[in-house]
Amino acid sequence: MGHAKAGDTVKVHYTGKLGDGTVFDTSANREPLEFTIGGGKIIQGFEEAVVGMSPEDEKTIHLSPEKGYGPHRDEMVVEVERTQFPSHIEPEIGKRLQIQQSGEQHIIVEITGVSESKVTLDANHPLAGHDLIFDIELVEIL
């Protein structure tokens, strides 16, 4: 059995939790997550944690926002006039929307505030600014 290294495609089971123990994602009861180490599809700290693991190894890691989804950035929160909202969308706190920026780029935003005249949109990842805890089990190196 070898150790996982950059460039390897691996399968892992994981459970992601916030500092208070709230589970935000898990691969339990579904197929393991498959990714290539160094491929940039997974958050940096998670990829780094898998390096050196062998199949059946388990570990728990604690990631700062910098190794996870980054810090919460205030410049990614904007208020828009409620009149700018399409009439078929009822703004509700917690609702996630896909909007098109200039050009072709689409981004996901979450409604974080609603008043009579304004709607607050947050384009930060929902886990930005949070310390994250992951329980990881390396299932297989492909």
C-alpha atoms as a PDB file:
ATOM      1  CA  MET A   1       0.000   0.000   0.000  1.00  0.00           C
ATOM      2  CA  GLY A   2       1.380   3.366  -0.997  1.00  0.00           C
ATOM      3  CA  HIS A   3       0.902   6.849   0.309  1.00  0.00           C
ATOM      4  CA  ALA A   4      -1.217   9.448  -1.467  1.00  0.00           C
ATOM      5  CA  LYS A   5       0.811  12.114  -3.253  1.00  0.00           C
ATOM      6  CA  ALA A   6       0.268  15.041  -5.612  1.00  0.00           C
ATOM      7  CA  GLY A   7      -1.152  13.846  -8.929  1.00  0.00           C
ATOM      8  CA  ASP A   8      -2.835  10.755  -7.434  1.00  0.00           C
ATOM      9  CA  THR A   9      -6.560  10.271  -7.897  1.00  0.00           C
ATOM     10  CA  VAL A  10      -8.060   9.221  -4.578  1.00  0.00           C
ATOM     11  CA  LYS A  11     -11.393   8.283  -3.046  1.00  0.00           C
ATOM     12  CA  VAL A  12     -12.195   9.503   0.458  1.00  0.00           C
ATOM     13  CA  HIS A  13     -15.071   9.440   2.873  1.00  0.00           C
ATOM     14  CA  TYR A  14     -15.413  12.597   4.932  1.00  0.00           C
ATOM     15  CA  THR A  15     -17.575  14.527   7.349  1.00  0.00           C
ATOM     16  CA  GLY A  16     -17.238  18.311   7.491  1.00  0.00           C
ATOM     17  CA  LYS A  17     -18.227  20.155  10.663  1.00  0.00           C
ATOM     18  CA  LEU A  18     -18.208  23.680  12.002  1.00  0.00           C
ATOM     19  CA  GLY A  19     -16.531  24.501  15.296  1.00  0.00           C
ATOM     20  CA  ASP A  20     -19.801  23.945  17.192  1.00  0.00           C
ATOM     21  CA  GLY A  21     -20.102  20.403  15.788  1.00  0.00           C
ATOM     22  CA  THR A  22     -22.764  21.217  13.171  1.00  0.00           C
ATOM     23  CA  VAL A  23     -22.280  18.881  10.188  1.00  0.00           C
ATOM     24  CA  PHE A  24     -22.383  20.851   6.910  1.00  0.00           C
ATOM     25  CA  ASP A  25     -21.483  17.993   4.541  1.00  0.00           C
ATOM     26  CA  THR A  26     -20.719  14.281   4.617  1.00  0.00           C
ATOM     27  CA  SER A  27     -20.155  11.424   2.208  1.00  0.00           C
ATOM     28  CA  ALA A  28     -21.760   8.947   4.627  1.00  0.00           C
ATOM     29  CA  ASN A  29     -24.431   6.863   2.900  1.00  0.00           C
ATOM     30  CA  ARG A  30     -23.163   7.782  -0.570  1.00  0.00           C
ATOM     31  CA  GLU A  31     -20.204   7.111  -2.838  1.00  0.00           C
ATOM     32  CA  PRO A  32     -16.834   8.380  -1.588  1.00  0.00           C
ATOM     33  CA  LEU A  33     -15.550  11.668  -2.969  1.00  0.00           C
ATOM     34  CA  GLU A  34     -13.113  11.144  -5.851  1.00  0.00           C
ATOM     35  CA  PHE A  35     -10.574  13.816  -6.784  1.00  0.00           C
ATOM     36  CA  THR A  36      -7.027  14.317  -8.019  1.00  0.00           C
ATOM     37  CA  ILE A  37      -4.626  15.724  -5.427  1.00  0.00           C
ATOM     38  CA  GLY A  38      -3.377  19.063  -6.714  1.00  0.00           C
ATOM     39  CA  GLY A  39      -6.190  19.358  -9.244  1.00  0.00           C
ATOM     40  CA  GLY A  40      -7.630  22.436  -7.545  1.00  0.00           C
ATOM     41  CA  LYS A  41     -11.191  21.041  -7.356  1.00  0.00           C
ATOM     42  CA  ILE A  42     -11.090  20.600  -3.568  1.00  0.00           C
ATOM     43  CA  ILE A  43     -10.215  23.201  -0.915  1.00  0.00           C
ATOM     44  CA  GLN A  44      -6.471  23.482  -0.351  1.00  0.00           C
ATOM     45  CA  GLY A  45      -6.327  22.304   3.262  1.00  0.00           C
ATOM     46  CA  PHE A  46      -8.361  19.179   2.477  1.00  0.00           C
ATOM     47  CA  GLU A  47      -6.064  18.227  -0.420  1.00  0.00           C
ATOM     48  CA  GLU A  48      -2.967  18.818   1.716  1.00  0.00           C
ATOM     49  CA  ALA A  49      -4.367  16.624   4.496  1.00  0.00           C
ATOM     50  CA  VAL A  50      -4.784  13.605   2.195  1.00  0.00           C
ATOM     51  CA  VAL A  51      -1.121  13.723   1.071  1.00  0.00           C
ATOM     52  CA  GLY A  52       0.807  11.010   2.915  1.00  0.00           C
ATOM     53  CA  MET A  53      -2.262   8.981   3.882  1.00  0.00           C
ATOM     54  CA  SER A  54      -2.553   5.296   2.982  1.00  0.00           C
ATOM     55  CA  PRO A  55      -5.798   3.451   2.218  1.00  0.00           C
ATOM     56  CA  GLU A  56      -7.827   2.885   5.410  1.00  0.00           C
ATOM     57  CA  ASP A  57      -5.997   5.707   7.237  1.00  0.00           C
ATOM     58  CA  GLU A  58      -8.276   8.108   9.108  1.00  0.00           C
ATOM     59  CA  LYS A  59      -7.573  11.561  10.482  1.00  0.00           C
ATOM     60  CA  THR A  60      -9.286  14.670  11.765  1.00  0.00           C
ATOM     61  CA  ILE A  61      -8.091  18.054  10.536  1.00  0.00           C
ATOM     62  CA  HIS A  62      -8.856  21.611  11.603  1.00  0.00           C
ATOM     63  CA  LEU A  63      -8.726  24.228   8.839  1.00  0.00           C
ATOM     64  CA  SER A  64      -8.558  27.983   9.217  1.00  0.00           C
ATOM     65  CA  PRO A  65     -10.570  30.036   6.696  1.00  0.00           C
ATOM     66  CA  GLU A  66      -7.362  30.626   4.687  1.00  0.00           C
ATOM     67  CA  LYS A  67      -7.038  26.866   4.030  1.00  0.00           C
ATOM     68  CA  GLY A  68     -10.790  26.470   3.547  1.00  0.00           C
ATOM     69  CA  TYR A  69     -13.168  28.825   1.775  1.00  0.00           C
ATOM     70  CA  GLY A  70     -11.270  32.008   2.599  1.00  0.00           C
ATOM     71  CA  PRO A  71     -12.209  34.913   4.838  1.00  0.00           C
ATOM     72  CA  HIS A  72     -15.642  36.528   4.687  1.00  0.00           C
ATOM     73  CA  ARG A  73     -15.127  39.603   2.500  1.00  0.00           C
ATOM     74  CA  ASP A  74     -17.373  42.600   3.125  1.00  0.00           C
ATOM     75  CA  GLU A  75     -16.888  43.848  -0.449  1.00  0.00           C
ATOM     76  CA  MET A  76     -18.784  40.767  -1.648  1.00  0.00           C
ATOM     77  CA  VAL A  77     -21.927  41.911   0.177  1.00  0.00           C
ATOM     78  CA  VAL A  78     -24.094  44.453  -1.655  1.00  0.00           C
ATOM     79  CA  GLU A  79     -27.449  46.119  -1.164  1.00  0.00           C
ATOM     80  CA  VAL A  80     -29.666  46.509  -4.210  1.00  0.00           C
ATOM     81  CA  GLU A  81     -32.927  48.317  -4.659  1.00  0.00           C
ATOM     82  CA  ARG A  82     -35.875  45.970  -4.340  1.00  0.00           C
ATOM     83  CA  THR A  83     -37.169  47.444  -7.599  1.00  0.00           C
ATOM     84  CA  GLN A  84     -34.148  45.870  -9.370  1.00  0.00           C
ATOM     85  CA  PHE A  85     -35.447  42.409  -8.471  1.00  0.00           C
ATOM     86  CA  PRO A  86     -37.414  40.501 -11.111  1.00  0.00           C
ATOM     87  CA  SER A  87     -41.097  40.555 -10.190  1.00  0.00           C
ATOM     88  CA  HIS A  88     -41.320  36.734 -10.257  1.00  0.00           C
ATOM     89  CA  ILE A  89     -38.718  36.366  -7.465  1.00  0.00           C
ATOM     90  CA  GLU A  90     -39.853  36.950  -3.901  1.00  0.00           C
ATOM     91  CA  PRO A  91     -36.768  37.931  -1.889  1.00  0.00           C
ATOM     92  CA  GLU A  92     -36.451  35.724   1.206  1.00  0.00           C
ATOM     93  CA  ILE A  93     -33.532  35.524   3.636  1.00  0.00           C
ATOM     94  CA  GLY A  94     -31.541  32.361   2.963  1.00  0.00           C
ATOM     95  CA  LYS A  95     -32.677  32.016  -0.664  1.00  0.00           C
ATOM     96  CA  ARG A  96     -29.792  31.394  -3.076  1.00  0.00           C
ATOM     97  CA  LEU A  97     -29.825  32.879  -6.566  1.00  0.00           C
ATOM     98  CA  GLN A  98     -27.624  32.629  -9.632  1.00  0.00           C
ATOM     99  CA  ILE A  99     -26.954  36.010 -11.162  1.00  0.00           C
ATOM    100  CA  GLN A 100     -25.039  37.007 -14.263  1.00  0.00           C
ATOM    101  CA  GLN A 101     -22.302  39.570 -13.896  1.00  0.00           C
ATOM    102  CA  SER A 102     -20.929  41.636 -16.732  1.00  0.00           C
ATOM    103  CA  GLY A 103     -19.959  39.326 -19.526  1.00  0.00           C
ATOM    104  CA  GLU A 104     -20.908  35.680 -19.208  1.00  0.00           C
ATOM    105  CA  GLN A 105     -19.820  34.929 -15.629  1.00  0.00           C
ATOM    106  CA  HIS A 106     -22.500  33.573 -13.286  1.00  0.00           C
ATOM    107  CA  ILE A 107     -22.168  33.757  -9.525  1.00  0.00           C
ATOM    108  CA  ILE A 108     -24.240  32.359  -6.681  1.00  0.00           C
ATOM    109  CA  VAL A 109     -25.472  34.829  -4.092  1.00  0.00           C
ATOM    110  CA  GLU A 110     -27.469  34.385  -0.923  1.00  0.00           C
ATOM    111  CA  ILE A 111     -30.101  36.830   0.261  1.00  0.00           C
ATOM    112  CA  THR A 112     -29.016  37.880   3.754  1.00  0.00           C
ATOM    113  CA  GLY A 113     -31.332  40.835   4.335  1.00  0.00           C
ATOM    114  CA  VAL A 114     -34.665  42.153   3.112  1.00  0.00           C
ATOM    115  CA  SER A 115     -36.317  45.489   3.865  1.00  0.00           C
ATOM    116  CA  GLU A 116     -39.174  47.424   2.273  1.00  0.00           C
ATOM    117  CA  SER A 117     -36.817  49.049  -0.245  1.00  0.00           C
ATOM    118  CA  LYS A 118     -33.589  47.029  -0.304  1.00  0.00           C
ATOM    119  CA  VAL A 119     -32.292  43.453  -0.613  1.00  0.00           C
ATOM    120  CA  THR A 120     -28.854  42.451   0.705  1.00  0.00           C
ATOM    121  CA  LEU A 121     -26.951  39.927  -1.439  1.00  0.00           C
ATOM    122  CA  ASP A 122     -23.866  38.047  -0.221  1.00  0.00           C
ATOM    123  CA  ALA A 123     -21.575  36.458  -2.843  1.00  0.00           C
ATOM    124  CA  ASN A 124     -19.233  34.914  -0.257  1.00  0.00           C
ATOM    125  CA  HIS A 125     -19.188  31.116  -0.065  1.00  0.00           C
ATOM    126  CA  PRO A 126     -21.524  30.127   2.821  1.00  0.00           C
ATOM    127  CA  LEU A 127     -18.524  28.640   4.680  1.00  0.00           C
ATOM    128  CA  ALA A 128     -16.217  31.639   4.124  1.00  0.00           C
ATOM    129  CA  GLY A 129     -14.800  32.937   7.391  1.00  0.00           C
ATOM    130  CA  HIS A 130     -15.459  29.678   9.262  1.00  0.00           C
ATOM    131  CA  ASP A 131     -12.967  27.339  10.865  1.00  0.00           C
ATOM    132  CA  LEU A 132     -13.729  23.858   9.526  1.00  0.00           C
ATOM    133  CA  ILE A 133     -13.188  20.373  10.935  1.00  0.00           C
ATOM    134  CA  PHE A 134     -13.003  17.351   8.651  1.00  0.00           C
ATOM    135  CA  ASP A 135     -12.929  13.675   9.563  1.00  0.00           C
ATOM    136  CA  ILE A 136     -11.255  11.996   6.569  1.00  0.00           C
ATOM    137  CA  GLU A 137     -10.841   8.325   5.666  1.00  0.00           C
ATOM    138  CA  LEU A 138      -8.743   7.464   2.606  1.00  0.00           C
ATOM    139  CA  VAL A 139     -10.666   4.662   0.892  1.00  0.00           C
ATOM    140  CA  GLU A 140      -8.556   4.089  -2.209  1.00  0.00           C
ATOM    141  CA  ILE A 141      -5.701   5.404  -4.344  1.00  0.00           C
ATOM    142  CA  LEU A 142      -6.636   4.781  -7.985  1.00  0.00           C
END
